[in-house]
C-alpha atoms as a PDB file:
ATOM      1  CA  MET A   1     -20.306   4.205 -55.973  1.00  0.00           C
ATOM      2  CA  PHE A   2     -22.117   1.918 -53.490  1.00  0.00           C
ATOM      3  CA  ARG A   3     -18.745   0.536 -52.347  1.00  0.00           C
ATOM      4  CA  THR A   4     -17.483   4.047 -51.695  1.00  0.00           C
ATOM      5  CA  ILE A   5     -20.550   4.969 -49.624  1.00  0.00           C
ATOM      6  CA  ARG A   6     -20.370   1.691 -47.674  1.00  0.00           C
ATOM      7  CA  ALA A   7     -16.636   2.116 -46.989  1.00  0.00           C
ATOM      8  CA  THR A   8     -17.167   5.705 -45.837  1.00  0.00           C
ATOM      9  CA  PHE A   9     -20.046   4.682 -43.533  1.00  0.00           C
ATOM     10  CA  THR A  10     -18.075   1.760 -42.088  1.00  0.00           C
ATOM     11  CA  HIS A  11     -15.014   3.934 -41.494  1.00  0.00           C
ATOM     12  CA  ARG A  12     -17.031   6.698 -39.809  1.00  0.00           C
ATOM     13  CA  PHE A  13     -19.087   4.276 -37.673  1.00  0.00           C
ATOM     14  CA  PHE A  14     -16.082   2.408 -36.347  1.00  0.00           C
ATOM     15  CA  SER A  15     -14.068   5.611 -35.879  1.00  0.00           C
ATOM     16  CA  HIS A  16     -16.949   7.068 -33.852  1.00  0.00           C
ATOM     17  CA  SER A  17     -17.348   3.842 -31.868  1.00  0.00           C
ATOM     18  CA  PHE A  18     -13.604   3.798 -31.110  1.00  0.00           C
ATOM     19  CA  ALA A  19     -13.719   7.437 -29.978  1.00  0.00           C
ATOM     20  CA  VAL A  20     -16.667   6.785 -27.648  1.00  0.00           C
ATOM     21  CA  THR A  21     -14.905   3.736 -26.191  1.00  0.00           C
ATOM     22  CA  THR A  22     -11.704   5.725 -25.706  1.00  0.00           C
ATOM     23  CA  ILE A  23     -13.562   8.562 -23.962  1.00  0.00           C
ATOM     24  CA  ALA A  24     -15.392   6.115 -21.680  1.00  0.00           C
ATOM     25  CA  ALA A  25     -12.154   4.336 -20.764  1.00  0.00           C
ATOM     26  CA  THR A  26     -10.445   7.661 -20.052  1.00  0.00           C
ATOM     27  CA  LEU A  27     -13.334   8.718 -17.805  1.00  0.00           C
ATOM     28  CA  VAL A  28     -13.196   5.468 -15.823  1.00  0.00           C
ATOM     29  CA  LEU A  29      -9.427   5.746 -15.377  1.00  0.00           C
ATOM     30  CA  SER A  30      -9.730   9.402 -14.360  1.00  0.00           C
ATOM     31  CA  LEU A  31     -12.292   8.576 -11.677  1.00  0.00           C
ATOM     32  CA  GLY A  32      -9.958   5.886 -10.328  1.00  0.00           C
ATOM     33  CA  ALA A  33      -7.078   8.349 -10.253  1.00  0.00           C
ATOM     34  CA  ILE A  34      -8.999  10.850  -8.126  1.00  0.00           C
ATOM     35  CA  GLY A  35      -9.807   8.322  -5.462  1.00  0.00           C
ATOM     36  CA  CYS A  36     -12.887   6.414  -6.579  1.00  0.00           C
ATOM     37  CA  SER A  37     -11.853   2.951  -5.532  1.00  0.00           C
ATOM     38  CA  SER A  38     -13.748  -0.145  -4.640  1.00  0.00           C
ATOM     39  CA  SER A  39     -14.424  -0.711  -0.975  1.00  0.00           C
ATOM     40  CA  SER A  40     -12.425  -3.935  -1.092  1.00  0.00           C
ATOM     41  CA  ASP A  41      -9.052  -2.182  -1.355  1.00  0.00           C
ATOM     42  CA  THR A  42      -9.434   0.183   1.586  1.00  0.00           C
ATOM     43  CA  PRO A  43     -10.284  -0.666   5.149  1.00  0.00           C
ATOM     44  CA  ALA A  44     -13.625   0.625   6.398  1.00  0.00           C
ATOM     45  CA  ASP A  45     -12.058   3.273   8.618  1.00  0.00           C
ATOM     46  CA  ALA A  46      -9.257   4.344   6.276  1.00  0.00           C
ATOM     47  CA  GLY A  47     -10.950   7.651   5.543  1.00  0.00           C
ATOM     48  CA  SER A  48     -11.348   8.580   9.196  1.00  0.00           C
ATOM     49  CA  THR A  49      -8.929  10.784  11.095  1.00  0.00           C
ATOM     50  CA  THR A  50      -7.724   7.912  13.275  1.00  0.00           C
ATOM     51  CA  CYS A  51      -7.104   4.289  12.510  1.00  0.00           C
ATOM     52  CA  ASP A  52      -6.702   1.719  15.237  1.00  0.00           C
ATOM     53  CA  LEU A  53      -4.703  -1.498  15.364  1.00  0.00           C
ATOM     54  CA  ALA A  54      -7.627  -3.532  14.003  1.00  0.00           C
ATOM     55  CA  GLY A  55      -7.838  -1.235  10.963  1.00  0.00           C
ATOM     56  CA  VAL A  56      -4.102  -1.520  10.323  1.00  0.00           C
ATOM     57  CA  GLN A  57      -4.218  -5.299  10.688  1.00  0.00           C
ATOM     58  CA  ALA A  58      -7.096  -5.425   8.183  1.00  0.00           C
ATOM     59  CA  LEU A  59      -5.102  -3.230   5.801  1.00  0.00           C
ATOM     60  CA  LEU A  60      -1.969  -5.374   6.092  1.00  0.00           C
ATOM     61  CA  SER A  61      -4.040  -8.488   5.527  1.00  0.00           C
ATOM     62  CA  ALA A  62      -5.838  -6.983   2.507  1.00  0.00           C
ATOM     63  CA  LYS A  63      -2.493  -6.068   0.949  1.00  0.00           C
ATOM     64  CA  SER A  64      -1.206  -9.647   1.545  1.00  0.00           C
ATOM     65  CA  CYS A  65       1.533  -8.391   3.889  1.00  0.00           C
ATOM     66  CA  THR A  66       0.671 -10.998   6.513  1.00  0.00           C
ATOM     67  CA  THR A  67       0.521 -14.041   4.230  1.00  0.00           C
ATOM     68  CA  SER A  68       2.967 -16.918   4.126  1.00  0.00           C
ATOM     69  CA  GLY A  69       6.119 -15.914   2.276  1.00  0.00           C
ATOM     70  CA  CYS A  70       5.770 -12.322   3.391  1.00  0.00           C
ATOM     71  CA  HIS A  71       5.488 -11.054   6.962  1.00  0.00           C
ATOM     72  CA  ALA A  72       3.399 -13.845   8.514  1.00  0.00           C
ATOM     73  CA  SER A  73       4.142 -15.063  12.026  1.00  0.00           C
ATOM     74  CA  ALA A  74       5.808 -18.268  10.777  1.00  0.00           C
ATOM     75  CA  GLN A  75       9.124 -17.568   9.009  1.00  0.00           C
ATOM     76  CA  PRO A  76       8.458 -13.887   8.264  1.00  0.00           C
ATOM     77  CA  ALA A  77      10.410 -12.253   5.451  1.00  0.00           C
ATOM     78  CA  ALA A  78      13.226 -10.056   6.779  1.00  0.00           C
ATOM     79  CA  GLY A  79      12.335 -11.312  10.263  1.00  0.00           C
ATOM     80  CA  LEU A  80       9.445  -8.822  10.400  1.00  0.00           C
ATOM     81  CA  ASP A  81       6.265 -10.422  11.760  1.00  0.00           C
ATOM     82  CA  LEU A  82       3.302  -8.149  10.975  1.00  0.00           C
ATOM     83  CA  ALA A  83       0.667 -10.746  11.864  1.00  0.00           C
ATOM     84  CA  SER A  84       1.091 -11.695  15.544  1.00  0.00           C
ATOM     85  CA  ALA A  85      -0.140  -9.849  18.598  1.00  0.00           C
ATOM     86  CA  GLY A  86       2.190  -7.159  19.955  1.00  0.00           C
ATOM     87  CA  LEU A  87       2.855  -5.461  16.615  1.00  0.00           C
ATOM     88  CA  ALA A  88       3.720  -2.078  18.138  1.00  0.00           C
ATOM     89  CA  ASP A  89       6.317  -3.673  20.439  1.00  0.00           C
ATOM     90  CA  ARG A  90       8.043  -5.314  17.456  1.00  0.00           C
ATOM     91  CA  LEU A  91       8.224  -2.010  15.572  1.00  0.00           C
ATOM     92  CA  LEU A  92       8.863   0.771  18.078  1.00  0.00           C
ATOM     93  CA  GLY A  93      12.596   1.401  18.401  1.00  0.00           C
ATOM     94  CA  LYS A  94      13.455  -1.892  16.657  1.00  0.00           C
ATOM     95  CA  SER A  95      15.680  -2.250  13.590  1.00  0.00           C
ATOM     96  CA  PRO A  96      15.968  -5.094  11.067  1.00  0.00           C
ATOM     97  CA  VAL A  97      18.167  -7.947  12.274  1.00  0.00           C
ATOM     98  CA  ALA A  98      20.679  -9.810  10.095  1.00  0.00           C
ATOM     99  CA  GLY A  99      20.156 -13.477   9.304  1.00  0.00           C
ATOM    100  CA  VAL A 100      16.578 -13.651  10.564  1.00  0.00           C
ATOM    101  CA  GLY A 101      13.523 -14.712   8.625  1.00  0.00           C
ATOM    102  CA  LEU A 102      12.633 -16.497   5.442  1.00  0.00           C
ATOM    103  CA  GLN A 103      14.251 -13.812   3.318  1.00  0.00           C
ATOM    104  CA  PRO A 104      16.999 -11.541   4.687  1.00  0.00           C
ATOM    105  CA  SER A 105      16.348  -7.834   5.112  1.00  0.00           C
ATOM    106  CA  MET A 106      17.974  -5.453   2.650  1.00  0.00           C
ATOM    107  CA  CYS A 107      17.822  -2.778   5.367  1.00  0.00           C
ATOM    108  CA  VAL A 108      20.117  -4.379   7.954  1.00  0.00           C
ATOM    109  CA  GLY A 109      22.870  -1.975   8.966  1.00  0.00           C
ATOM    110  CA  THR A 110      21.015   1.182   7.933  1.00  0.00           C
ATOM    111  CA  ASN A 111      20.483   2.118  11.604  1.00  0.00           C
ATOM    112  CA  ARG A 112      16.803   2.736  10.905  1.00  0.00           C
ATOM    113  CA  ASN A 113      14.018   1.717  13.282  1.00  0.00           C
ATOM    114  CA  TYR A 114      10.710   0.417  12.005  1.00  0.00           C
ATOM    115  CA  LEU A 115       9.045   3.183  14.060  1.00  0.00           C
ATOM    116  CA  ASN A 116      10.855   5.976  15.899  1.00  0.00           C
ATOM    117  CA  ALA A 117       9.702   6.698  19.449  1.00  0.00           C
ATOM    118  CA  GLY A 118       8.597  10.287  20.035  1.00  0.00           C
ATOM    119  CA  SER A 119       8.300  11.161  16.349  1.00  0.00           C
ATOM    120  CA  ASN A 120       5.431  13.436  15.359  1.00  0.00           C
ATOM    121  CA  PRO A 121       4.522  12.963  12.602  1.00  0.00           C
ATOM    122  CA  ALA A 122       5.417   9.307  12.913  1.00  0.00           C
ATOM    123  CA  THR A 123       8.602   8.285  11.136  1.00  0.00           C
ATOM    124  CA  GLY A 124      10.398   5.036  10.534  1.00  0.00           C
ATOM    125  CA  LEU A 125      11.329   2.312   8.121  1.00  0.00           C
ATOM    126  CA  LEU A 126       7.824   0.814   8.140  1.00  0.00           C
ATOM    127  CA  LEU A 127       6.397   4.021   6.672  1.00  0.00           C
ATOM    128  CA  ASP A 128       9.381   4.541   4.359  1.00  0.00           C
ATOM    129  CA  LYS A 129       9.064   1.058   2.860  1.00  0.00           C
ATOM    130  CA  VAL A 130       5.464   1.638   1.769  1.00  0.00           C
ATOM    131  CA  GLY A 131       6.323   5.109   0.434  1.00  0.00           C
ATOM    132  CA  THR A 132       7.344   5.910  -3.118  1.00  0.00           C
ATOM    133  CA  THR A 133      11.124   5.812  -2.546  1.00  0.00           C
ATOM    134  CA  PRO A 134      12.222   3.398   0.175  1.00  0.00           C
ATOM    135  CA  PRO A 135      15.767   3.967   1.496  1.00  0.00           C
ATOM    136  CA  CYS A 136      16.667   0.284   1.117  1.00  0.00           C
ATOM    137  CA  GLY A 137      15.248  -2.783  -0.558  1.00  0.00           C
ATOM    138  CA  ALA A 138      12.034  -2.844  -2.561  1.00  0.00           C
ATOM    139  CA  ARG A 139       8.881  -0.806  -2.092  1.00  0.00           C
ATOM    140  CA  MET A 140       6.209  -2.709  -0.199  1.00  0.00           C
ATOM    141  CA  PRO A 141       3.934  -4.435  -0.744  1.00  0.00           C
ATOM    142  CA  ILE A 142       5.508  -6.483  -3.499  1.00  0.00           C
ATOM    143  CA  GLY A 143       2.802  -7.690  -5.867  1.00  0.00           C
ATOM    144  CA  PRO A 144      -0.371  -5.916  -4.761  1.00  0.00           C
ATOM    145  CA  ALA A 145      -0.904  -2.279  -5.632  1.00  0.00           C
ATOM    146  CA  PRO A 146       0.902   0.243  -3.401  1.00  0.00           C
ATOM    147  CA  LEU A 147      -1.056   1.791  -0.557  1.00  0.00           C
ATOM    148  CA  ASN A 148      -3.381   4.543  -1.724  1.00  0.00           C
ATOM    149  CA  ASN A 149      -3.691   7.900   0.064  1.00  0.00           C
ATOM    150  CA  ASN A 150      -6.425   6.689   2.464  1.00  0.00           C
ATOM    151  CA  GLU A 151      -4.456   3.564   3.344  1.00  0.00           C
ATOM    152  CA  MET A 152      -1.296   5.608   3.934  1.00  0.00           C
ATOM    153  CA  ALA A 153      -3.266   8.025   6.137  1.00  0.00           C
ATOM    154  CA  CYS A 154      -4.583   5.093   8.162  1.00  0.00           C
ATOM    155  CA  LEU A 155      -1.120   3.596   8.641  1.00  0.00           C
ATOM    156  CA  ARG A 156       0.408   6.972   9.545  1.00  0.00           C
ATOM    157  CA  SER A 157      -2.372   7.724  12.023  1.00  0.00           C
ATOM    158  CA  TRP A 158      -1.903   4.392  13.788  1.00  0.00           C
ATOM    159  CA  ALA A 159       1.897   4.799  13.722  1.00  0.00           C
ATOM    160  CA  LEU A 160       1.534   8.218  15.348  1.00  0.00           C
ATOM    161  CA  SER A 161      -0.535   6.672  18.135  1.00  0.00           C
ATOM    162  CA  VAL A 162       2.352   4.231  18.697  1.00  0.00           C
ATOM    163  CA  THR A 163       5.237   6.719  18.462  1.00  0.00           C
ATOM    164  CA  SER A 164       3.718   9.582  20.472  1.00  0.00           C
ATOM    165  CA  PRO A 165       4.478   9.543  24.181  1.00  0.00           C
ATOM    166  CA  SER A 166       1.481   9.012  26.450  1.00  0.00           C
ATOM    167  CA  PRO A 167       0.388  12.140  28.362  1.00  0.00           C
END
């Protein structure tokens, strides 16, 4: 009889403990899904209505887009340098070029610009590649987590400032 009581207690205790752990894990994951993220994966101004070049550069750096082997200034993948000064000039009205860079672009010949002049909202391959279904090649960034909603809003806001004509 003692064995039966002990087995029942052990089963109930561990079942309860497992349930509490499962509920706690679900709660933590749910909070992450609704936007509770650590400050290290979003730039400081990502939640604001505008995001300047410095904010975008910080975002690209945080997502490892500007590291060696990716889109650094030296031998950038697909010939796309996201690290050097003059970023807007390299994106606005420019398309991927064949045979350039450490790794060739999968988007050469698609007749798509990285950013389209005069578009409002901003459009272009740069934004498409970080979106859920890029038109060519792989979704960026490769490796780190995709951009979250705040990071996408920051990138889109900056892109709009680049694509919109000056008054």
